[in-house]
Structure formats: C-alpha cells, structure tokens
C-alpha cells in the first residue's frame, strides 16, 4: 500500500479528511519493532488495517501469546468495508477496552463483528489480550 493512500481504519485527521496510511496505522505496522502503537485504540485500529492488508505477521506480533489461537488464519477473499470505534476506556494504568464494529464481505455474505476488546501494556507495548462478542 502506498504511503499516501487513505488508511484502511478510516481515522479522520484535524483537516476532517482521512489520514494517510503512513501517518496513521502504517507507521505501526511497517515499523513494529521501533514504533509501537501508543495506546489501545491505535493498536486496535492498526490491527484492523493489518486484517485489511492481510498482514498476519503484525496481527500475531500484537496478540497476547497465551491467547493466540493456534488455527488463526486471515479470511481469504474478505473485502473489508469499514471500522467504527464506538468506545474506548481505560481499565487501569496498563489496561484498556475498545468497543468496535468491523464489517466485511466474503463469498457474497456480509459479516459484522461487534466486539469489546481488552488490551494490556507489557514492556511498553500494547497488545490485544482477548475480546467479547457483543
């Protein structure tokens, strides 16, 4: 994905226009080792973008190892349609929750994922712990 393209997560900047991938999730996905997401919402958005871009390496790197499903695979042929962040809240100094709705289409079927995700900060990095479907 080119650096000037709109970020898949749909984040809107101060100019009321979508942020470019490089200025949004791209900086975390492409430079994971040196540029971790600064908060749970940024990590959640970058994980959504990684699903869109089929970056399983980033999804795995940002998922709590104890909760990473051994059979995880990105849905082949999925066309991601959008992300809506509904709520973000701190649950402690190193923990947070993000409620979101993500939509995609696969094999002509619409899929809606509504989840309250839990994140923890470990070693200065936010990671996805788990979530509850809503």
Protein backbone atom coordinates (compact mmCIF):
# COMPACT_ATOMS: atom_id res chain seq x y z
CA UNK A 1 0.00 0.00 0.00
CA UNK A 2 1.37 3.40 -0.93
CA UNK A 3 2.11 5.82 1.87
CA UNK A 4 -0.27 8.49 0.54
CA UNK A 5 -3.35 6.27 0.37
CA UNK A 6 -6.09 6.66 2.96
CA UNK A 7 -5.59 4.40 5.94
CA UNK A 8 -7.94 1.39 5.94
CA UNK A 9 -9.00 2.13 9.54
CA UNK A 10 -10.77 5.30 8.38
CA UNK A 11 -9.25 7.61 11.00
CA UNK A 12 -10.09 11.26 10.28
CA UNK A 13 -7.45 13.91 10.89
CA UNK A 14 -7.69 17.51 12.09
CA UNK A 15 -8.34 18.61 8.49
CA UNK A 16 -11.54 16.48 8.53
CA UNK A 17 -10.01 14.23 5.85
CA UNK A 18 -8.94 10.60 6.19
CA UNK A 19 -5.38 10.17 7.40
CA UNK A 20 -2.85 8.68 5.02
CA UNK A 21 -1.73 5.13 5.79
CA UNK A 22 1.84 6.27 6.52
CA UNK A 23 0.63 8.89 9.02
CA UNK A 24 -1.81 6.52 10.69
CA UNK A 25 -1.57 2.73 11.05
CA UNK A 26 1.27 2.34 8.57
CA UNK A 27 3.83 3.72 10.99
CA UNK A 28 2.97 0.96 13.50
CA UNK A 29 2.56 -1.91 11.04
CA UNK A 30 5.61 -1.16 8.91
CA UNK A 31 7.91 -0.28 11.83
CA UNK A 32 6.57 -2.52 14.59
CA UNK A 33 9.97 -3.07 16.21
CA UNK A 34 10.69 0.64 16.61
CA UNK A 35 7.28 2.31 16.63
CA UNK A 36 4.72 0.62 18.86
CA UNK A 37 1.14 1.88 18.96
CA UNK A 38 0.90 4.49 21.73
CA UNK A 39 -2.50 3.42 23.09
CA UNK A 40 -5.10 0.66 22.88
CA UNK A 41 -7.27 2.41 20.29
CA UNK A 42 -4.31 2.97 17.98
CA UNK A 43 -3.36 -0.68 18.32
CA UNK A 44 -6.93 -1.80 17.63
CA UNK A 45 -7.11 0.41 14.53
CA UNK A 46 -3.75 -0.84 13.28
CA UNK A 47 -4.86 -4.44 13.80
CA UNK A 48 -7.96 -3.75 11.69
CA UNK A 49 -5.71 -2.29 8.98
CA UNK A 50 -3.49 -5.36 9.21
CA UNK A 51 -6.51 -7.58 8.58
CA UNK A 52 -7.40 -5.47 5.52
CA UNK A 53 -3.82 -5.71 4.25
CA UNK A 54 -3.51 -9.39 5.19
CA UNK A 55 -0.54 -8.72 7.47
CA UNK A 56 -0.77 -11.82 9.66
CA UNK A 57 2.74 -11.12 10.96
CA UNK A 58 1.57 -7.91 12.64
CA UNK A 59 -1.62 -9.46 13.97
CA UNK A 60 0.39 -12.27 15.57
CA UNK A 61 3.02 -9.90 16.99
CA UNK A 62 0.33 -7.78 18.67
CA UNK A 63 -1.73 -10.67 20.10
CA UNK A 64 -1.07 -11.99 23.61
CA UNK A 65 0.86 -15.24 23.06
CA UNK A 66 -1.17 -17.13 25.68
CA UNK A 67 -4.42 -16.29 23.86
CA UNK A 68 -3.26 -16.56 20.23
CA UNK A 69 -5.38 -19.25 18.54
CA UNK A 70 -3.22 -21.99 17.01
CA UNK A 71 -5.53 -22.21 13.99
CA UNK A 72 -5.61 -18.46 13.28
CA UNK A 73 -5.79 -17.52 9.61
CA UNK A 74 -6.87 -14.37 7.82
CA UNK A 75 -10.16 -14.90 5.96
CA UNK A 76 -9.11 -15.30 2.31
CA UNK A 77 -11.04 -13.16 -0.12
CA UNK A 78 -12.57 -10.93 2.53
CA UNK A 79 -13.42 -7.41 1.38
CA UNK A 80 -13.24 -5.17 4.42
CA UNK A 81 -15.89 -2.46 4.37
CA UNK A 82 -15.23 -0.29 7.39
CA UNK A 83 -14.45 0.19 11.04
CA UNK A 84 -16.42 2.10 13.65
CA UNK A 85 -14.84 2.67 17.07
CA UNK A 86 -17.75 3.02 19.47
CA UNK A 87 -15.99 3.45 22.82
CA UNK A 88 -12.57 3.41 24.43
CA UNK A 89 -11.95 3.28 28.15
CA UNK A 90 -9.03 2.85 30.47
CA UNK A 91 -9.46 -0.02 32.91
CA UNK A 92 -6.19 0.59 34.75
CA UNK A 93 -2.74 2.11 34.24
CA UNK A 94 -1.77 -0.64 31.79
CA UNK A 95 -5.12 -1.91 30.55
CA UNK A 96 -7.94 -0.65 28.36
CA UNK A 97 -11.01 -1.73 26.41
CA UNK A 98 -12.09 -0.72 22.93
CA UNK A 99 -15.57 -1.42 21.59
CA UNK A 100 -15.78 -1.54 17.82
CA UNK A 101 -17.79 -2.73 14.85
CA UNK A 102 -15.94 -4.01 11.78
CA UNK A 103 -17.72 -5.03 8.62
CA UNK A 104 -16.58 -7.19 5.73
CA UNK A 105 -17.97 -9.28 2.90
CA UNK A 106 -16.80 -12.76 1.98
CA UNK A 107 -18.27 -15.08 -0.66
CA UNK A 108 -21.13 -12.59 -1.16
CA UNK A 109 -22.07 -12.74 2.53
CA UNK A 110 -21.96 -9.67 4.79
CA UNK A 111 -20.27 -10.14 8.15
CA UNK A 112 -20.44 -7.75 11.09
CA UNK A 113 -18.01 -8.13 14.01
CA UNK A 114 -19.05 -6.23 17.15
CA UNK A 115 -16.58 -6.73 19.97
CA UNK A 116 -15.35 -5.27 23.22
CA UNK A 117 -11.62 -5.95 23.07
CA UNK A 118 -9.27 -5.98 26.03
CA UNK A 119 -5.72 -4.70 25.74
CA UNK A 120 -2.78 -4.67 28.13
CA UNK A 121 0.51 -2.81 28.05
CA UNK A 122 3.52 -5.03 28.59
CA UNK A 123 7.12 -3.97 28.20
CA UNK A 124 5.99 -0.59 26.86
CA UNK A 125 3.86 -2.16 24.11
CA UNK A 126 0.10 -2.50 23.90
CA UNK A 127 -1.11 -5.99 22.97
CA UNK A 128 -4.51 -7.48 22.25
CA UNK A 129 -5.49 -9.79 25.09
CA UNK A 130 -8.98 -11.03 24.15
CA UNK A 131 -12.48 -9.82 23.50
CA UNK A 132 -16.18 -10.44 23.96
CA UNK A 133 -18.56 -10.52 21.01
CA UNK A 134 -21.46 -8.13 21.52
